[in-house]
Amino acid sequence: MDTLIFGGLLAALVVLFQDRPRRTVLAIWWVVLGATLALLSHHITSSLGLGLSY
């Protein structure tokens, strides 16, 4: 999940420095945000036992 977030932010940064239209940067940012939220909701509702047990 971290790789997706950082890769998407890097892509937005590269597009930003290439003087592309603002619409392109915002589109990439929204796609990354949507993918991040989808993955987060998947991880939150997964059946993995993430509780601590000693």
N, C-alpha and C. Protein backbone atom coordinates (compact mmCIF):
# COMPACT_ATOMS: atom_id res chain seq x y z
N MET A 1 0.83 -1.18 0.00
CA MET A 1 0.00 0.00 0.00
C MET A 1 0.87 1.25 0.00
N ASP A 2 1.94 1.23 0.78
CA ASP A 2 2.84 2.38 0.80
C ASP A 2 3.45 2.63 -0.57
N THR A 3 3.77 1.55 -1.28
CA THR A 3 4.37 1.70 -2.60
C THR A 3 3.41 2.39 -3.55
N LEU A 4 2.14 2.05 -3.48
CA LEU A 4 1.14 2.70 -4.32
C LEU A 4 1.04 4.18 -4.00
N ILE A 5 1.01 4.52 -2.73
CA ILE A 5 0.88 5.92 -2.33
C ILE A 5 2.09 6.72 -2.79
N PHE A 6 3.28 6.22 -2.48
CA PHE A 6 4.49 6.96 -2.85
C PHE A 6 4.69 7.00 -4.36
N GLY A 7 4.36 5.93 -5.05
CA GLY A 7 4.46 5.93 -6.51
C GLY A 7 3.50 6.92 -7.13
N GLY A 8 2.30 6.99 -6.64
CA GLY A 8 1.33 7.95 -7.16
C GLY A 8 1.72 9.38 -6.87
N LEU A 9 2.23 9.63 -5.67
CA LEU A 9 2.69 10.97 -5.34
C LEU A 9 3.91 11.36 -6.18
N LEU A 10 4.79 10.40 -6.44
CA LEU A 10 5.94 10.67 -7.30
C LEU A 10 5.48 10.99 -8.72
N ALA A 11 4.50 10.25 -9.21
CA ALA A 11 3.97 10.53 -10.55
C ALA A 11 3.35 11.92 -10.61
N ALA A 12 2.63 12.31 -9.57
CA ALA A 12 2.05 13.65 -9.54
C ALA A 12 3.14 14.72 -9.49
N LEU A 13 4.20 14.46 -8.75
CA LEU A 13 5.31 15.41 -8.67
C LEU A 13 6.03 15.55 -10.01
N VAL A 14 6.25 14.43 -10.70
CA VAL A 14 6.90 14.47 -12.01
C VAL A 14 6.04 15.25 -13.00
N VAL A 15 4.74 15.00 -13.01
CA VAL A 15 3.84 15.72 -13.91
C VAL A 15 3.81 17.21 -13.54
N LEU A 16 3.88 17.51 -12.27
CA LEU A 16 3.88 18.90 -11.82
C LEU A 16 5.11 19.64 -12.34
N PHE A 17 6.27 19.00 -12.27
CA PHE A 17 7.50 19.64 -12.74
C PHE A 17 7.62 19.67 -14.26
N GLN A 18 6.80 18.92 -14.97
CA GLN A 18 6.82 18.96 -16.43
C GLN A 18 5.90 20.05 -16.98
N ASP A 19 5.38 20.89 -16.10
CA ASP A 19 4.48 21.98 -16.49
C ASP A 19 3.27 21.49 -17.28
N ARG A 20 2.70 20.40 -16.84
CA ARG A 20 1.46 19.90 -17.44
C ARG A 20 0.29 20.70 -16.87
N PRO A 21 -0.86 20.57 -17.48
CA PRO A 21 -2.03 21.29 -16.95
C PRO A 21 -2.37 20.85 -15.53
N ARG A 22 -2.92 21.76 -14.79
CA ARG A 22 -3.30 21.49 -13.40
C ARG A 22 -4.31 20.35 -13.32
N ARG A 23 -5.13 20.22 -14.33
CA ARG A 23 -6.15 19.17 -14.37
C ARG A 23 -5.51 17.78 -14.33
N THR A 24 -4.37 17.60 -14.99
CA THR A 24 -3.68 16.31 -15.00
C THR A 24 -3.14 15.97 -13.62
N VAL A 25 -2.53 16.96 -12.97
CA VAL A 25 -2.00 16.73 -11.62
C VAL A 25 -3.12 16.37 -10.67
N LEU A 26 -4.23 17.10 -10.74
CA LEU A 26 -5.36 16.81 -9.86
C LEU A 26 -5.98 15.45 -10.15
N ALA A 27 -6.03 15.07 -11.41
CA ALA A 27 -6.58 13.76 -11.77
C ALA A 27 -5.73 12.64 -11.17
N ILE A 28 -4.41 12.77 -11.29
CA ILE A 28 -3.52 11.76 -10.69
C ILE A 28 -3.70 11.71 -9.19
N TRP A 29 -3.78 12.89 -8.56
CA TRP A 29 -3.92 12.95 -7.11
C TRP A 29 -5.22 12.27 -6.66
N TRP A 30 -6.32 12.53 -7.37
CA TRP A 30 -7.60 11.92 -7.00
C TRP A 30 -7.59 10.41 -7.23
N VAL A 31 -6.93 9.96 -8.28
CA VAL A 31 -6.84 8.51 -8.53
C VAL A 31 -6.05 7.84 -7.41
N VAL A 32 -4.94 8.45 -7.00
CA VAL A 32 -4.15 7.89 -5.91
C VAL A 32 -4.94 7.90 -4.61
N LEU A 33 -5.65 8.97 -4.35
CA LEU A 33 -6.47 9.03 -3.14
C LEU A 33 -7.55 7.95 -3.15
N GLY A 34 -8.22 7.77 -4.29
CA GLY A 34 -9.25 6.74 -4.38
C GLY A 34 -8.70 5.34 -4.20
N ALA A 35 -7.55 5.08 -4.81
CA ALA A 35 -6.92 3.76 -4.65
C ALA A 35 -6.48 3.53 -3.21
N THR A 36 -5.97 4.56 -2.58
CA THR A 36 -5.55 4.45 -1.19
C THR A 36 -6.73 4.17 -0.27
N LEU A 37 -7.82 4.88 -0.49
CA LEU A 37 -9.01 4.65 0.33
C LEU A 37 -9.59 3.26 0.10
N ALA A 38 -9.56 2.80 -1.14
CA ALA A 38 -10.06 1.45 -1.43
C ALA A 38 -9.21 0.39 -0.74
N LEU A 39 -7.89 0.55 -0.81
CA LEU A 39 -7.01 -0.40 -0.12
C LEU A 39 -7.16 -0.33 1.39
N LEU A 40 -7.32 0.88 1.91
CA LEU A 40 -7.50 1.03 3.35
C LEU A 40 -8.78 0.35 3.81
N SER A 41 -9.86 0.54 3.07
CA SER A 41 -11.12 -0.11 3.46
C SER A 41 -11.01 -1.62 3.35
N HIS A 42 -10.23 -2.11 2.39
CA HIS A 42 -10.02 -3.55 2.26
C HIS A 42 -9.24 -4.08 3.46
N HIS A 43 -8.22 -3.36 3.87
CA HIS A 43 -7.41 -3.82 5.00
C HIS A 43 -8.18 -3.73 6.32
N ILE A 44 -9.01 -2.69 6.46
CA ILE A 44 -9.77 -2.55 7.69
C ILE A 44 -10.80 -3.66 7.83
N THR A 45 -11.41 -4.08 6.71
CA THR A 45 -12.47 -5.08 6.78
C THR A 45 -11.97 -6.50 6.52
N SER A 46 -10.64 -6.67 6.39
CA SER A 46 -10.13 -8.01 6.12
C SER A 46 -10.24 -8.89 7.37
N SER A 47 -10.11 -10.17 7.18
CA SER A 47 -10.28 -11.11 8.28
C SER A 47 -8.96 -11.41 8.98
N LEU A 48 -7.93 -10.67 8.70
CA LEU A 48 -6.66 -10.91 9.38
C LEU A 48 -6.78 -10.55 10.85
N GLY A 49 -6.21 -11.39 11.69
CA GLY A 49 -6.19 -11.09 13.10
C GLY A 49 -5.04 -10.14 13.40
N LEU A 50 -5.34 -8.88 13.46
CA LEU A 50 -4.28 -7.88 13.65
C LEU A 50 -4.11 -7.49 15.11
N GLY A 51 -4.79 -8.16 16.00
CA GLY A 51 -4.65 -7.85 17.43
C GLY A 51 -3.33 -8.33 17.98
N LEU A 52 -2.89 -7.70 19.03
CA LEU A 52 -1.63 -8.09 19.66
C LEU A 52 -1.90 -9.25 20.62
N SER A 53 -1.07 -10.24 20.54
CA SER A 53 -1.16 -11.35 21.49
C SER A 53 0.26 -11.72 21.92
N TYR A 54 0.45 -11.73 23.18
CA TYR A 54 1.79 -12.00 23.74
C TYR A 54 1.87 -13.40 24.27
